[in-house]
Structure formats: C-alpha cells, structure tokens
Amino acid sequence: MSINSSNNYNNSRNRSGVNKEELPKWLDWRIIIITFIFFWPLGIYFIWKRIDLDKKSQLNLGRNLVIAGWVLTVLSIIYLIGALGDSTIAVGDMIFTVLLFGSSGVGLIVLGKKSKKNAEKIKKYIALVVNQEVTSIEDIATAVALPYEITKKDIQKMIDKEYFAGAYINESTKEIVLPNNRKQGDEKQDYINVNKPNAEMLVVTCKGCGANNKVTKGSVVECEFCGSPVGGN
C-alpha cells in the first residue's frame, strides 16, 4: 500500500470520526452543571446545545436526563410535603424551592424524552442505511413509517451532521448515495493487509449508534458514524 493510500485512509477516518472537533468551552460538562445549579434555564439551554453538537450526547444522553429530571421532581415533592408540616418555613421560600426543583426537573424530563426519541430514530436510519444497505428514501420512509418528505429531511440533517461521511441525496433517483463507503473500506482493508497481514477482522456493532464497524481483533477504534469506542474483542 502506498503512503498516499495510507494518508487517504487516515484522512477518511478523520472525516468520519465525527467527534474530532472540539466543542465550545462553555459546553464543558463542568460548566453546564454549575450553570444548571445556579440558573437552570440557561443550564437547560447548554445541555440542549451539547446534544445538538455532540453525537455521543445526542445518541446516549436522553435516558440519563429523564432520570435526573425525575430525581429533581421527586425531591421537590418530598420537600413540599415536609415544608407543609413545618411552620418555620416561610410560604414564599417554600414556593420558590418547589418551583426551582420542580420546574428544572420537568425541563430535564421533557428534553430527555425528546432526545431519546430522536436518538431512536437516528439509530433506525443508521441500521437501515449502514447495516442493511437500504438507499432508497422511499423504502427508508416505509420502514420507519414516516412520510417521504420528513424522512428525506431527517436523512439530510444526518448528512449535515456527518453521520454519513461524504453522502448526498440524489434527487433524480430519490436515494442516499454513499460514494466513499467502498473506497474507505478498501483502503482500510489494504492498510491492514500490508501492516498486519495476519490480522483478523471482526464486524462489531457499535453500542452507541448500532452501526456495524469492521474492527481488527483485539483493537479499539472509534465508530465511523458516531465516534463511540468500538472494540474487536
């Protein structure tokens, strides 16, 4: 394998390693948590932006947000029950505390459920396009039970967010075209054949997005579609 082919392979991996780009510093989880504690509406916004920009968060954070939201909601209810029996707590303070915990909890639950629903839809699209190699937008729409235009819009959003590296929608044939898939796969196999001639390749399903990845046995790489770690154990 030539040096240029090796470089092309690495460049392809960089393009498909969708979490390579650094997130803004204000979307660091430490800043998000501190912001949420002191001013939860802004914290909710930061979490939403993190989900929108970070694929790992987009695919996996929904369930945790729902759990955190219910915890805060239950705490607000427990506090309310205790406060009603304590005459030393001012009514204004009680209302403020209940609203603070309760509203922030509800906000997390709503955001978490929305994120979880969107993640499930993304994983369905990945399973169809990547694992089952379905390229017709009409067939994909039928499989996910959504109108053609909505499915097309969803697929385009995933292309824009680089879930499908180098892909585009062919308006004439009404299908998603993945022109780099074969090329990247061949370069990856050539790279392994030259540098590790006895390497065993495994097809491993990513726990983050559900996509099938070719991984050398015993190695850990980033999923080509969401950036989550995938191990060839």
Protein backbone atom coordinates (compact mmCIF):
# COMPACT_ATOMS: atom_id res chain seq x y z
CA MET A 1 0.00 0.00 0.00
CA SER A 2 1.35 3.44 -0.94
CA ILE A 3 1.96 6.28 1.50
CA ASN A 4 -0.76 8.27 -0.26
CA SER A 5 -3.26 5.47 0.25
CA SER A 6 -2.35 5.33 3.92
CA ASN A 7 -2.83 9.08 4.20
CA ASN A 8 -6.16 8.84 2.40
CA TYR A 9 -7.25 6.17 4.84
CA ASN A 10 -6.28 8.32 7.83
CA ASN A 11 -7.99 11.36 6.32
CA SER A 12 -11.12 9.29 5.76
CA ARG A 13 -11.04 8.23 9.39
CA ASN A 14 -10.67 11.88 10.47
CA ARG A 15 -13.66 12.86 8.36
CA SER A 16 -15.78 10.03 9.68
CA GLY A 17 -14.58 10.49 13.26
CA VAL A 18 -17.45 12.86 13.86
CA ASN A 19 -16.49 13.82 17.40
CA LYS A 20 -12.99 15.03 16.48
CA GLU A 21 -13.97 18.71 16.50
CA GLU A 22 -13.68 20.43 19.84
CA LEU A 23 -16.88 21.64 21.44
CA PRO A 24 -17.05 25.24 22.69
CA LYS A 25 -15.55 25.58 26.17
CA TRP A 26 -18.87 26.74 27.59
CA LEU A 27 -20.31 23.33 26.71
CA ASP A 28 -17.91 21.53 29.03
CA TRP A 29 -19.95 19.37 31.42
CA ARG A 30 -18.46 21.09 34.49
CA ILE A 31 -19.65 24.47 33.26
CA ILE A 32 -23.03 23.06 32.28
CA ILE A 33 -23.59 21.54 35.74
CA ILE A 34 -22.53 24.72 37.58
CA THR A 35 -24.75 26.82 35.31
CA PHE A 36 -27.67 24.46 35.85
CA ILE A 37 -27.30 24.70 39.63
CA PHE A 38 -27.29 28.50 39.73
CA PHE A 39 -29.60 29.26 36.77
CA TRP A 40 -31.30 26.17 35.44
CA PRO A 41 -32.98 27.70 32.33
CA LEU A 42 -29.55 28.59 30.94
CA GLY A 43 -28.28 25.18 32.01
CA ILE A 44 -31.09 23.51 30.06
CA TYR A 45 -30.11 25.56 27.01
CA PHE A 46 -26.46 24.50 27.37
CA ILE A 47 -27.49 20.84 27.61
CA TRP A 48 -29.66 21.23 24.50
CA LYS A 49 -26.74 22.78 22.59
CA ARG A 50 -24.43 19.99 23.76
CA ILE A 51 -26.89 17.41 22.45
CA ASP A 52 -27.23 19.28 19.18
CA LEU A 53 -23.46 19.47 18.57
CA ASP A 54 -22.12 16.27 20.14
CA LYS A 55 -23.19 12.96 18.56
CA LYS A 56 -22.39 10.86 21.61
CA SER A 57 -24.63 13.08 23.74
CA GLN A 58 -27.29 13.12 21.04
CA LEU A 59 -27.48 9.33 20.96
CA ASN A 60 -26.97 8.40 24.61
CA LEU A 61 -27.89 11.26 26.94
CA GLY A 62 -31.69 11.15 26.77
CA ARG A 63 -32.26 8.38 29.33
CA ASN A 64 -29.92 9.99 31.89
CA LEU A 65 -31.67 13.34 31.53
CA VAL A 66 -35.05 11.74 32.17
CA ILE A 67 -33.71 10.01 35.29
CA ALA A 68 -32.15 13.24 36.59
CA GLY A 69 -35.37 15.09 35.89
CA TRP A 70 -37.46 12.62 37.87
CA VAL A 71 -34.99 12.78 40.76
CA LEU A 72 -35.37 16.56 40.96
CA THR A 73 -39.15 16.33 40.61
CA VAL A 74 -39.43 13.76 43.40
CA LEU A 75 -37.14 15.84 45.63
CA SER A 76 -39.39 18.86 45.11
CA ILE A 77 -42.44 16.79 46.11
CA ILE A 78 -40.68 15.43 49.21
CA TYR A 79 -39.63 18.94 50.20
CA LEU A 80 -43.17 20.23 49.70
CA ILE A 81 -44.63 17.53 51.93
CA GLY A 82 -42.07 18.27 54.64
CA ALA A 83 -42.44 22.04 54.32
CA LEU A 84 -46.22 21.92 54.68
CA GLY A 85 -45.77 20.44 58.15
CA ASP A 86 -43.10 22.95 59.22
CA SER A 87 -44.49 26.29 60.33
CA THR A 88 -41.00 27.83 60.47
CA ILE A 89 -40.62 27.77 56.67
CA ALA A 90 -41.98 30.88 55.00
CA VAL A 91 -44.58 30.31 52.28
CA GLY A 92 -42.55 32.33 49.78
CA ASP A 93 -39.42 30.28 50.41
CA MET A 94 -41.38 27.05 50.08
CA ILE A 95 -42.92 28.09 46.76
CA PHE A 96 -39.57 29.26 45.40
CA THR A 97 -37.81 25.99 46.30
CA VAL A 98 -40.58 23.79 44.93
CA LEU A 99 -40.70 25.74 41.68
CA LEU A 100 -36.91 25.68 41.38
CA PHE A 101 -36.56 21.92 41.73
CA GLY A 102 -39.87 21.01 40.12
CA SER A 103 -39.57 23.17 37.01
CA SER A 104 -35.94 22.20 36.42
CA GLY A 105 -36.90 18.55 36.81
CA VAL A 106 -39.75 18.84 34.35
CA GLY A 107 -37.44 20.65 31.93
CA LEU A 108 -34.93 17.80 32.05
CA ILE A 109 -37.66 15.21 31.59
CA VAL A 110 -39.05 16.97 28.51
CA LEU A 111 -35.61 17.47 26.98
CA GLY A 112 -34.58 13.91 27.83
CA LYS A 113 -37.67 12.32 26.28
CA LYS A 114 -37.28 14.41 23.14
CA SER A 115 -33.59 13.49 22.90
CA LYS A 116 -34.30 9.80 23.49
CA LYS A 117 -36.99 9.75 20.79
CA ASN A 118 -34.68 11.47 18.32
CA ALA A 119 -31.83 9.06 19.14
CA GLU A 120 -34.06 6.06 18.50
CA LYS A 121 -34.99 7.49 15.11
CA ILE A 122 -31.34 8.15 14.20
CA LYS A 123 -30.40 4.58 15.15
CA LYS A 124 -33.18 3.24 12.93
CA TYR A 125 -31.85 5.24 9.99
CA ILE A 126 -28.30 4.03 10.63
CA ALA A 127 -29.46 0.43 10.88
CA LEU A 128 -31.24 0.71 7.52
CA VAL A 129 -28.63 2.70 5.58
CA VAL A 130 -25.43 1.24 7.05
CA ASN A 131 -26.27 -2.28 8.21
CA GLN A 132 -28.98 -3.22 5.71
CA GLU A 133 -27.66 -1.00 2.89
CA VAL A 134 -31.07 0.44 2.06
CA THR A 135 -30.51 3.56 -0.03
CA SER A 136 -33.97 4.37 -1.40
CA ILE A 137 -35.51 7.22 0.57
CA GLU A 138 -38.98 5.83 -0.18
CA ASP A 139 -38.03 2.40 1.18
CA ILE A 140 -36.48 4.00 4.26
CA ALA A 141 -39.64 6.08 4.79
CA THR A 142 -41.77 2.94 4.58
CA ALA A 143 -39.52 1.12 7.06
CA VAL A 144 -39.69 3.91 9.68
CA ALA A 145 -43.39 4.61 8.98
CA LEU A 146 -42.86 8.30 8.19
CA PRO A 147 -43.80 10.45 5.17
CA TYR A 148 -41.25 10.70 2.38
CA GLU A 149 -40.53 14.42 2.89
CA ILE A 150 -39.95 14.05 6.62
CA THR A 151 -37.64 11.08 6.05
CA LYS A 152 -35.73 13.00 3.39
CA LYS A 153 -35.35 15.96 5.75
CA ASP A 154 -34.14 13.67 8.56
CA ILE A 155 -31.59 11.99 6.29
CA GLN A 156 -30.31 15.36 5.10
CA LYS A 157 -29.87 16.50 8.72
CA MET A 158 -27.84 13.37 9.44
CA ILE A 159 -25.69 14.06 6.38
CA ASP A 160 -25.16 17.65 7.55
CA LYS A 161 -24.11 16.37 10.97
CA GLU A 162 -21.72 13.91 9.27
CA TYR A 163 -23.33 10.69 10.39
CA PHE A 164 -22.89 9.60 6.76
CA ALA A 165 -19.48 10.88 5.64
CA GLY A 166 -19.38 12.12 2.06
CA ALA A 167 -23.01 11.21 1.38
CA TYR A 168 -25.62 13.15 -0.55
CA ILE A 169 -29.21 12.72 -1.69
CA ASN A 170 -29.72 12.08 -5.40
CA GLU A 171 -32.91 13.95 -6.26
CA SER A 172 -33.39 12.05 -9.53
CA THR A 173 -33.21 8.55 -8.09
CA LYS A 174 -34.56 9.58 -4.67
CA GLU A 175 -31.86 7.75 -2.78
CA ILE A 176 -28.97 8.45 -0.45
CA VAL A 177 -25.61 7.96 -2.14
CA LEU A 178 -22.60 6.94 -0.06
CA PRO A 179 -19.78 7.32 -2.59
CA ASN A 180 -16.93 6.88 -0.12
CA ASN A 181 -18.08 3.71 1.60
CA ARG A 182 -16.45 1.21 -0.80
CA LYS A 183 -13.32 3.31 -1.18
CA GLN A 184 -12.84 3.73 2.55
CA GLY A 185 -13.48 0.04 3.16
CA ASP A 186 -10.95 -0.99 0.52
CA GLU A 187 -8.29 1.40 1.84
CA LYS A 188 -8.86 0.14 5.37
CA GLN A 189 -8.51 -3.48 4.28
CA ASP A 190 -5.37 -2.68 2.21
CA TYR A 191 -3.85 -0.87 5.17
CA ILE A 192 -4.41 -3.89 7.40
CA ASN A 193 -3.22 -6.40 4.81
CA VAL A 194 0.11 -4.57 4.40
CA ASN A 195 0.80 -3.66 8.03
CA LYS A 196 -0.85 -6.60 9.77
CA PRO A 197 -1.09 -9.45 7.25
CA ASN A 198 -2.36 -11.92 9.86
CA ALA A 199 -4.88 -9.58 11.43
CA GLU A 200 -8.38 -10.96 11.90
CA MET A 201 -11.23 -8.59 11.05
CA LEU A 202 -14.45 -8.62 13.05
CA VAL A 203 -17.78 -6.96 12.37
CA VAL A 204 -18.73 -5.24 15.62
CA THR A 205 -21.97 -3.42 16.35
CA CYS A 206 -21.47 -0.02 17.96
CA LYS A 207 -23.28 0.28 21.29
CA GLY A 208 -23.69 3.99 20.72
CA CYS A 209 -25.50 4.09 17.37
CA GLY A 210 -25.96 0.46 16.32
CA ALA A 211 -23.82 0.70 13.17
CA ASN A 212 -21.70 -2.26 12.08
CA ASN A 213 -17.96 -1.49 12.04
CA LYS A 214 -15.03 -3.56 10.75
CA VAL A 215 -12.53 -3.80 13.60
CA THR A 216 -9.22 -5.63 13.90
CA LYS A 217 -9.46 -8.29 16.59
CA GLY A 218 -8.02 -7.08 19.88
CA SER A 219 -8.12 -3.39 18.94
CA VAL A 220 -10.35 -0.50 19.98
CA VAL A 221 -11.30 2.18 17.45
CA GLU A 222 -13.83 4.97 17.13
CA CYS A 223 -17.13 4.17 15.44
CA GLU A 224 -17.04 5.58 11.92
CA PHE A 225 -20.52 7.05 12.34
CA CYS A 226 -20.84 8.38 15.91
CA GLY A 227 -17.34 8.35 17.38
CA SER A 228 -18.10 5.96 20.25
CA PRO A 229 -15.38 3.41 21.14
CA VAL A 230 -15.78 0.05 19.39
CA GLY A 231 -13.68 -2.93 20.49
CA GLY A 232 -12.81 -6.01 18.49
CA ASN A 233 -12.64 -8.40 21.44
